[in-house]
Amino acid sequence: MGFWSIAAVIFGGVLVAGLATPRRRANKRPALPERQDEEELWTPDALARLGTPETVAELVAQGRGDELRGLGYSGELPPDA
């Protein structure tokens, strides 16, 4: 057996082994979720869900009590601090 015969056998074996190897999917990173628009925090729905007495008091202290009423806030407003 000559050099080329041995090289052909080795090359053929590597080729067959490579083709016989089970394939798996490439490890791709999942796509990042699309950025959603930030929620408006000063809507009546957001105030009803997220508002606390402390946040209402902070807004009243800033002189924004009328804005709360304009947004539909119907709770009692604390006195101005």
PDB file of N, CA and C in Angstrom:
ATOM      1  N   MET A   1       0.856  -1.179   0.000  1.00  0.00           N
ATOM      2  CA  MET A   1       0.000   0.000   0.000  1.00  0.00           C
ATOM      3  C   MET A   1       0.892   1.228   0.000  1.00  0.00           C
ATOM      4  N   GLY A   2       0.543   2.128  -0.872  1.00  0.00           N
ATOM      5  CA  GLY A   2       1.355   3.320  -0.972  1.00  0.00           C
ATOM      6  C   GLY A   2       0.838   4.436  -0.063  1.00  0.00           C
ATOM      7  N   PHE A   3       1.578   5.510  -0.047  1.00  0.00           N
ATOM      8  CA  PHE A   3       1.247   6.682   0.767  1.00  0.00           C
ATOM      9  C   PHE A   3      -0.130   7.207   0.412  1.00  0.00           C
ATOM     10  N   TRP A   4      -0.454   7.296  -0.878  1.00  0.00           N
ATOM     11  CA  TRP A   4      -1.732   7.880  -1.299  1.00  0.00           C
ATOM     12  C   TRP A   4      -2.902   6.988  -0.905  1.00  0.00           C
ATOM     13  N   SER A   5      -2.682   5.710  -0.886  1.00  0.00           N
ATOM     14  CA  SER A   5      -3.749   4.795  -0.460  1.00  0.00           C
ATOM     15  C   SER A   5      -4.076   4.994   1.013  1.00  0.00           C
ATOM     16  N   ILE A   6      -3.050   5.097   1.832  1.00  0.00           N
ATOM     17  CA  ILE A   6      -3.260   5.317   3.265  1.00  0.00           C
ATOM     18  C   ILE A   6      -3.933   6.680   3.501  1.00  0.00           C
ATOM     19  N   ALA A   7      -3.492   7.707   2.784  1.00  0.00           N
ATOM     20  CA  ALA A   7      -4.082   9.038   2.919  1.00  0.00           C
ATOM     21  C   ALA A   7      -5.551   9.018   2.489  1.00  0.00           C
ATOM     22  N   ALA A   8      -5.880   8.276   1.434  1.00  0.00           N
ATOM     23  CA  ALA A   8      -7.263   8.180   0.956  1.00  0.00           C
ATOM     24  C   ALA A   8      -8.131   7.468   1.978  1.00  0.00           C
ATOM     25  N   VAL A   9      -7.617   6.423   2.618  1.00  0.00           N
ATOM     26  CA  VAL A   9      -8.383   5.696   3.623  1.00  0.00           C
ATOM     27  C   VAL A   9      -8.646   6.592   4.832  1.00  0.00           C
ATOM     28  N   ILE A  10      -7.627   7.314   5.265  1.00  0.00           N
ATOM     29  CA  ILE A  10      -7.793   8.223   6.406  1.00  0.00           C
ATOM     30  C   ILE A  10      -8.787   9.327   6.052  1.00  0.00           C
ATOM     31  N   PHE A  11      -8.652   9.941   4.882  1.00  0.00           N
ATOM     32  CA  PHE A  11      -9.558  11.008   4.454  1.00  0.00           C
ATOM     33  C   PHE A  11     -10.989  10.481   4.360  1.00  0.00           C
ATOM     34  N   GLY A  12     -11.158   9.295   3.792  1.00  0.00           N
ATOM     35  CA  GLY A  12     -12.493   8.697   3.667  1.00  0.00           C
ATOM     36  C   GLY A  12     -13.108   8.418   5.025  1.00  0.00           C
ATOM     37  N   GLY A  13     -12.293   7.930   5.960  1.00  0.00           N
ATOM     38  CA  GLY A  13     -12.797   7.652   7.302  1.00  0.00           C
ATOM     39  C   GLY A  13     -13.246   8.917   8.015  1.00  0.00           C
ATOM     40  N   VAL A  14     -12.460   9.964   7.870  1.00  0.00           N
ATOM     41  CA  VAL A  14     -12.824  11.243   8.490  1.00  0.00           C
ATOM     42  C   VAL A  14     -14.095  11.791   7.850  1.00  0.00           C
ATOM     43  N   LEU A  15     -14.213  11.656   6.538  1.00  0.00           N
ATOM     44  CA  LEU A  15     -15.396  12.140   5.826  1.00  0.00           C
ATOM     45  C   LEU A  15     -16.646  11.381   6.274  1.00  0.00           C
ATOM     46  N   VAL A  16     -16.555  10.063   6.355  1.00  0.00           N
ATOM     47  CA  VAL A  16     -17.700   9.251   6.796  1.00  0.00           C
ATOM     48  C   VAL A  16     -18.057   9.571   8.244  1.00  0.00           C
ATOM     49  N   ALA A  17     -17.047   9.713   9.103  1.00  0.00           N
ATOM     50  CA  ALA A  17     -17.316  10.038  10.507  1.00  0.00           C
ATOM     51  C   ALA A  17     -17.978  11.403  10.624  1.00  0.00           C
ATOM     52  N   GLY A  18     -17.536  12.349   9.826  1.00  0.00           N
ATOM     53  CA  GLY A  18     -18.133  13.682   9.868  1.00  0.00           C
ATOM     54  C   GLY A  18     -19.572  13.686   9.402  1.00  0.00           C
ATOM     55  N   LEU A  19     -19.860  12.891   8.377  1.00  0.00           N
ATOM     56  CA  LEU A  19     -21.234  12.828   7.882  1.00  0.00           C
ATOM     57  C   LEU A  19     -22.141  12.027   8.811  1.00  0.00           C
ATOM     58  N   ALA A  20     -21.594  11.103   9.556  1.00  0.00           N
ATOM     59  CA  ALA A  20     -22.391  10.267  10.450  1.00  0.00           C
ATOM     60  C   ALA A  20     -22.666  10.939  11.786  1.00  0.00           C
ATOM     61  N   THR A  21     -21.953  11.985  12.092  1.00  0.00           N
ATOM     62  CA  THR A  21     -22.135  12.666  13.365  1.00  0.00           C
ATOM     63  C   THR A  21     -23.513  13.329  13.401  1.00  0.00           C
ATOM     64  N   PRO A  22     -24.282  13.085  14.474  1.00  0.00           N
ATOM     65  CA  PRO A  22     -25.603  13.723  14.558  1.00  0.00           C
ATOM     66  C   PRO A  22     -25.471  15.245  14.587  1.00  0.00           C
ATOM     67  N   ARG A  23     -26.346  15.868  13.910  1.00  0.00           N
ATOM     68  CA  ARG A  23     -26.324  17.338  13.850  1.00  0.00           C
ATOM     69  C   ARG A  23     -27.255  17.899  14.912  1.00  0.00           C
ATOM     70  N   ARG A  24     -26.894  19.033  15.443  1.00  0.00           N
ATOM     71  CA  ARG A  24     -27.766  19.744  16.376  1.00  0.00           C
ATOM     72  C   ARG A  24     -27.871  21.181  15.916  1.00  0.00           C
ATOM     73  N   ARG A  25     -28.894  21.810  16.354  1.00  0.00           N
ATOM     74  CA  ARG A  25     -29.108  23.203  15.971  1.00  0.00           C
ATOM     75  C   ARG A  25     -28.010  24.079  16.528  1.00  0.00           C
ATOM     76  N   ALA A  26     -27.741  25.119  15.806  1.00  0.00           N
ATOM     77  CA  ALA A  26     -26.758  26.090  16.291  1.00  0.00           C
ATOM     78  C   ALA A  26     -27.319  26.769  17.536  1.00  0.00           C
ATOM     79  N   ASN A  27     -26.461  27.053  18.474  1.00  0.00           N
ATOM     80  CA  ASN A  27     -26.881  27.705  19.713  1.00  0.00           C
ATOM     81  C   ASN A  27     -27.042  29.194  19.448  1.00  0.00           C
ATOM     82  N   LYS A  28     -28.227  29.562  19.011  1.00  0.00           N
ATOM     83  CA  LYS A  28     -28.500  30.968  18.722  1.00  0.00           C
ATOM     84  C   LYS A  28     -29.145  31.619  19.930  1.00  0.00           C
ATOM     85  N   ARG A  29     -28.767  32.830  20.165  1.00  0.00           N
ATOM     86  CA  ARG A  29     -29.404  33.576  21.252  1.00  0.00           C
ATOM     87  C   ARG A  29     -30.818  33.951  20.826  1.00  0.00           C
ATOM     88  N   PRO A  30     -31.761  33.885  21.753  1.00  0.00           N
ATOM     89  CA  PRO A  30     -33.118  34.296  21.393  1.00  0.00           C
ATOM     90  C   PRO A  30     -33.146  35.796  21.110  1.00  0.00           C
ATOM     91  N   ALA A  31     -34.001  36.161  20.195  1.00  0.00           N
ATOM     92  CA  ALA A  31     -34.125  37.572  19.834  1.00  0.00           C
ATOM     93  C   ALA A  31     -34.631  38.371  21.036  1.00  0.00           C
ATOM     94  N   LEU A  32     -34.104  39.555  21.209  1.00  0.00           N
ATOM     95  CA  LEU A  32     -34.557  40.422  22.292  1.00  0.00           C
ATOM     96  C   LEU A  32     -35.979  40.877  22.000  1.00  0.00           C
ATOM     97  N   PRO A  33     -36.807  40.967  23.013  1.00  0.00           N
ATOM     98  CA  PRO A  33     -38.170  41.441  22.769  1.00  0.00           C
ATOM     99  C   PRO A  33     -38.144  42.890  22.303  1.00  0.00           C
ATOM    100  N   GLU A  34     -39.111  43.207  21.465  1.00  0.00           N
ATOM    101  CA  GLU A  34     -39.185  44.583  20.985  1.00  0.00           C
ATOM    102  C   GLU A  34     -39.473  45.510  22.153  1.00  0.00           C
ATOM    103  N   ARG A  35     -38.845  46.658  22.104  1.00  0.00           N
ATOM    104  CA  ARG A  35     -39.048  47.622  23.187  1.00  0.00           C
ATOM    105  C   ARG A  35     -40.457  48.174  23.103  1.00  0.00           C
ATOM    106  N   GLN A  36     -41.136  48.075  24.209  1.00  0.00           N
ATOM    107  CA  GLN A  36     -42.502  48.581  24.266  1.00  0.00           C
ATOM    108  C   GLN A  36     -42.467  50.021  24.746  1.00  0.00           C
ATOM    109  N   ASP A  37     -43.424  50.776  24.256  1.00  0.00           N
ATOM    110  CA  ASP A  37     -43.507  52.159  24.704  1.00  0.00           C
ATOM    111  C   ASP A  37     -43.793  52.176  26.198  1.00  0.00           C
ATOM    112  N   GLU A  38     -43.167  53.116  26.857  1.00  0.00           N
ATOM    113  CA  GLU A  38     -43.391  53.215  28.287  1.00  0.00           C
ATOM    114  C   GLU A  38     -44.821  53.654  28.551  1.00  0.00           C
ATOM    115  N   GLU A  39     -45.361  53.125  29.621  1.00  0.00           N
ATOM    116  CA  GLU A  39     -46.740  53.430  29.974  1.00  0.00           C
ATOM    117  C   GLU A  39     -46.833  54.844  30.533  1.00  0.00           C
ATOM    118  N   GLU A  40     -47.851  55.553  30.139  1.00  0.00           N
ATOM    119  CA  GLU A  40     -48.126  56.871  30.712  1.00  0.00           C
ATOM    120  C   GLU A  40     -48.576  56.656  32.142  1.00  0.00           C
ATOM    121  N   LEU A  41     -47.858  57.244  33.075  1.00  0.00           N
ATOM    122  CA  LEU A  41     -48.170  57.017  34.479  1.00  0.00           C
ATOM    123  C   LEU A  41     -49.241  57.950  35.026  1.00  0.00           C
ATOM    124  N   TRP A  42     -49.553  59.011  34.291  1.00  0.00           N
ATOM    125  CA  TRP A  42     -50.493  59.993  34.840  1.00  0.00           C
ATOM    126  C   TRP A  42     -51.852  59.894  34.163  1.00  0.00           C
ATOM    127  N   THR A  43     -52.268  58.675  33.855  1.00  0.00           N
ATOM    128  CA  THR A  43     -53.619  58.467  33.335  1.00  0.00           C
ATOM    129  C   THR A  43     -54.490  57.968  34.483  1.00  0.00           C
ATOM    130  N   PRO A  44     -55.788  58.122  34.369  1.00  0.00           N
ATOM    131  CA  PRO A  44     -56.655  57.642  35.464  1.00  0.00           C
ATOM    132  C   PRO A  44     -56.466  56.153  35.756  1.00  0.00           C
ATOM    133  N   ASP A  45     -56.305  55.342  34.703  1.00  0.00           N
ATOM    134  CA  ASP A  45     -56.123  53.901  34.929  1.00  0.00           C
ATOM    135  C   ASP A  45     -54.819  53.623  35.669  1.00  0.00           C
ATOM    136  N   ALA A  46     -53.745  54.292  35.250  1.00  0.00           N
ATOM    137  CA  ALA A  46     -52.450  54.075  35.904  1.00  0.00           C
ATOM    138  C   ALA A  46     -52.486  54.560  37.349  1.00  0.00           C
ATOM    139  N   LEU A  47     -53.139  55.691  37.582  1.00  0.00           N
ATOM    140  CA  LEU A  47     -53.245  56.185  38.961  1.00  0.00           C
ATOM    141  C   LEU A  47     -54.049  55.224  39.832  1.00  0.00           C
ATOM    142  N   ALA A  48     -55.089  54.643  39.241  1.00  0.00           N
ATOM    143  CA  ALA A  48     -55.906  53.707  40.009  1.00  0.00           C
ATOM    144  C   ALA A  48     -55.113  52.451  40.351  1.00  0.00           C
ATOM    145  N   ARG A  49     -54.257  51.998  39.432  1.00  0.00           N
ATOM    146  CA  ARG A  49     -53.490  50.779  39.680  1.00  0.00           C
ATOM    147  C   ARG A  49     -52.227  51.025  40.487  1.00  0.00           C
ATOM    148  N   LEU A  50     -51.532  52.126  40.211  1.00  0.00           N
ATOM    149  CA  LEU A  50     -50.210  52.337  40.781  1.00  0.00           C
ATOM    150  C   LEU A  50     -50.149  53.408  41.857  1.00  0.00           C
ATOM    151  N   GLY A  51     -51.159  54.241  41.923  1.00  0.00           N
ATOM    152  CA  GLY A  51     -51.121  55.343  42.872  1.00  0.00           C
ATOM    153  C   GLY A  51     -51.242  54.881  44.307  1.00  0.00           C
ATOM    154  N   THR A  52     -50.519  55.538  45.166  1.00  0.00           N
ATOM    155  CA  THR A  52     -50.603  55.253  46.601  1.00  0.00           C
ATOM    156  C   THR A  52     -50.892  56.584  47.296  1.00  0.00           C
ATOM    157  N   PRO A  53     -51.318  56.532  48.525  1.00  0.00           N
ATOM    158  CA  PRO A  53     -51.541  57.789  49.237  1.00  0.00           C
ATOM    159  C   PRO A  53     -50.275  58.655  49.287  1.00  0.00           C
ATOM    160  N   GLU A  54     -49.110  57.995  49.328  1.00  0.00           N
ATOM    161  CA  GLU A  54     -47.852  58.755  49.370  1.00  0.00           C
ATOM    162  C   GLU A  54     -47.610  59.503  48.062  1.00  0.00           C
ATOM    163  N   THR A  55     -47.896  58.837  46.925  1.00  0.00           N
ATOM    164  CA  THR A  55     -47.679  59.525  45.640  1.00  0.00           C
ATOM    165  C   THR A  55     -48.663  60.666  45.466  1.00  0.00           C
ATOM    166  N   VAL A  56     -49.886  60.464  45.935  1.00  0.00           N
ATOM    167  CA  VAL A  56     -50.879  61.545  45.853  1.00  0.00           C
ATOM    168  C   VAL A  56     -50.415  62.714  46.713  1.00  0.00           C
ATOM    169  N   ALA A  57     -49.918  62.437  47.907  1.00  0.00           N
ATOM    170  CA  ALA A  57     -49.445  63.499  48.785  1.00  0.00           C
ATOM    171  C   ALA A  57     -48.266  64.242  48.160  1.00  0.00           C
ATOM    172  N   GLU A  58     -47.375  63.510  47.486  1.00  0.00           N
ATOM    173  CA  GLU A  58     -46.241  64.158  46.816  1.00  0.00           C
ATOM    174  C   GLU A  58     -46.719  65.098  45.716  1.00  0.00           C
ATOM    175  N   LEU A  59     -47.694  64.654  44.935  1.00  0.00           N
ATOM    176  CA  LEU A  59     -48.199  65.505  43.853  1.00  0.00           C
ATOM    177  C   LEU A  59     -48.908  66.736  44.402  1.00  0.00           C
ATOM    178  N   VAL A  60     -49.655  66.564  45.479  1.00  0.00           N
ATOM    179  CA  VAL A  60     -50.336  67.711  46.085  1.00  0.00           C
ATOM    180  C   VAL A  60     -49.300  68.687  46.628  1.00  0.00           C
ATOM    181  N   ALA A  61     -48.228  68.166  47.240  1.00  0.00           N
ATOM    182  CA  ALA A  61     -47.166  69.026  47.764  1.00  0.00           C
ATOM    183  C   ALA A  61     -46.481  69.799  46.641  1.00  0.00           C
ATOM    184  N   GLN A  62     -46.469  69.238  45.448  1.00  0.00           N
ATOM    185  CA  GLN A  62     -45.885  69.923  44.293  1.00  0.00           C
ATOM    186  C   GLN A  62     -46.871  70.906  43.661  1.00  0.00           C
ATOM    187  N   GLY A  63     -48.084  70.986  44.211  1.00  0.00           N
ATOM    188  CA  GLY A  63     -49.092  71.891  43.662  1.00  0.00           C
ATOM    189  C   GLY A  63     -49.796  71.311  42.450  1.00  0.00           C
ATOM    190  N   ARG A  64     -49.862  70.005  42.363  1.00  0.00           N
ATOM    191  CA  ARG A  64     -50.454  69.363  41.193  1.00  0.00           C
ATOM    192  C   ARG A  64     -51.782  68.688  41.523  1.00  0.00           C
ATOM    193  N   GLY A  65     -52.434  69.136  42.573  1.00  0.00           N
ATOM    194  CA  GLY A  65     -53.719  68.553  42.952  1.00  0.00           C
ATOM    195  C   GLY A  65     -54.778  68.736  41.880  1.00  0.00           C
ATOM    196  N   ASP A  66     -54.776  69.901  41.225  1.00  0.00           N
ATOM    197  CA  ASP A  66     -55.755  70.137  40.153  1.00  0.00           C
ATOM    198  C   ASP A  66     -55.545  69.170  38.994  1.00  0.00           C
ATOM    199  N   GLU A  67     -54.280  68.830  38.719  1.00  0.00           N
ATOM    200  CA  GLU A  67     -54.008  67.861  37.653  1.00  0.00           C
ATOM    201  C   GLU A  67     -54.591  66.499  38.007  1.00  0.00           C
ATOM    202  N   LEU A  68     -54.478  66.127  39.285  1.00  0.00           N
ATOM    203  CA  LEU A  68     -55.061  64.857  39.715  1.00  0.00           C
ATOM    204  C   LEU A  68     -56.565  64.845  39.482  1.00  0.00           C
ATOM    205  N   ARG A  69     -57.213  65.941  39.859  1.00  0.00           N
ATOM    206  CA  ARG A  69     -58.665  66.022  39.642  1.00  0.00           C
ATOM    207  C   ARG A  69     -58.985  65.988  38.149  1.00  0.00           C
ATOM    208  N   GLY A  70     -58.168  66.644  37.338  1.00  0.00           N
ATOM    209  CA  GLY A  70     -58.392  66.653  35.895  1.00  0.00           C
ATOM    210  C   GLY A  70     -58.213  65.275  35.266  1.00  0.00           C
ATOM    211  N   LEU A  71     -57.399  64.454  35.896  1.00  0.00           N
ATOM    212  CA  LEU A  71     -57.192  63.103  35.391  1.00  0.00           C
ATOM    213  C   LEU A  71     -58.245  62.130  35.891  1.00  0.00           C
ATOM    214  N   GLY A  72     -59.135  62.604  36.727  1.00  0.00           N
ATOM    215  CA  GLY A  72     -60.216  61.754  37.193  1.00  0.00           C
ATOM    216  C   GLY A  72     -60.009  61.161  38.567  1.00  0.00           C
ATOM    217  N   TYR A  73     -59.017  61.656  39.297  1.00  0.00           N
ATOM    218  CA  TYR A  73     -58.804  61.153  40.656  1.00  0.00           C
ATOM    219  C   TYR A  73     -59.937  61.647  41.509  1.00  0.00           C
ATOM    220  N   SER A  74     -60.644  60.717  42.165  1.00  0.00           N
ATOM    221  CA  SER A  74     -61.819  61.118  42.940  1.00  0.00           C
ATOM    222  C   SER A  74     -61.628  60.926  44.438  1.00  0.00           C
ATOM    223  N   GLY A  75     -60.437  60.488  44.845  1.00  0.00           N
ATOM    224  CA  GLY A  75     -60.171  60.315  46.270  1.00  0.00           C
ATOM    225  C   GLY A  75     -59.976  61.652  46.971  1.00  0.00           C
ATOM    226  N   GLU A  76     -59.851  61.566  48.269  1.00  0.00           N
ATOM    227  CA  GLU A  76     -59.658  62.783  49.049  1.00  0.00           C
ATOM    228  C   GLU A  76     -58.200  63.214  48.940  1.00  0.00           C
ATOM    229  N   LEU A  77     -57.994  64.505  48.669  1.00  0.00           N
ATOM    230  CA  LEU A  77     -56.651  65.032  48.564  1.00  0.00           C
ATOM    231  C   LEU A  77     -56.207  65.522  49.924  1.00  0.00           C
ATOM    232  N   PRO A  78     -54.975  65.204  50.312  1.00  0.00           N
ATOM    233  CA  PRO A  78     -54.471  65.692  51.594  1.00  0.00           C
ATOM    234  C   PRO A  78     -54.259  67.222  51.518  1.00  0.00           C
ATOM    235  N   PRO A  79     -54.243  67.897  52.661  1.00  0.00           N
ATOM    236  CA  PRO A  79     -54.006  69.331  52.641  1.00  0.00           C
ATOM    237  C   PRO A  79     -52.615  69.623  52.117  1.00  0.00           C
ATOM    238  N   ASP A  80     -52.442  70.806  51.527  1.00  0.00           N
ATOM    239  CA  ASP A  80     -51.136  71.187  50.988  1.00  0.00           C
ATOM    240  C   ASP A  80     -50.098  71.199  52.107  1.00  0.00           C
ATOM    241  N   ALA A  81     -48.944  70.693  51.787  1.00  0.00           N
ATOM    242  CA  ALA A  81     -47.887  70.677  52.795  1.00  0.00           C
ATOM    243  C   ALA A  81     -47.002  71.865  52.643  1.00  0.00           C
TER     244      ALA A  81
END
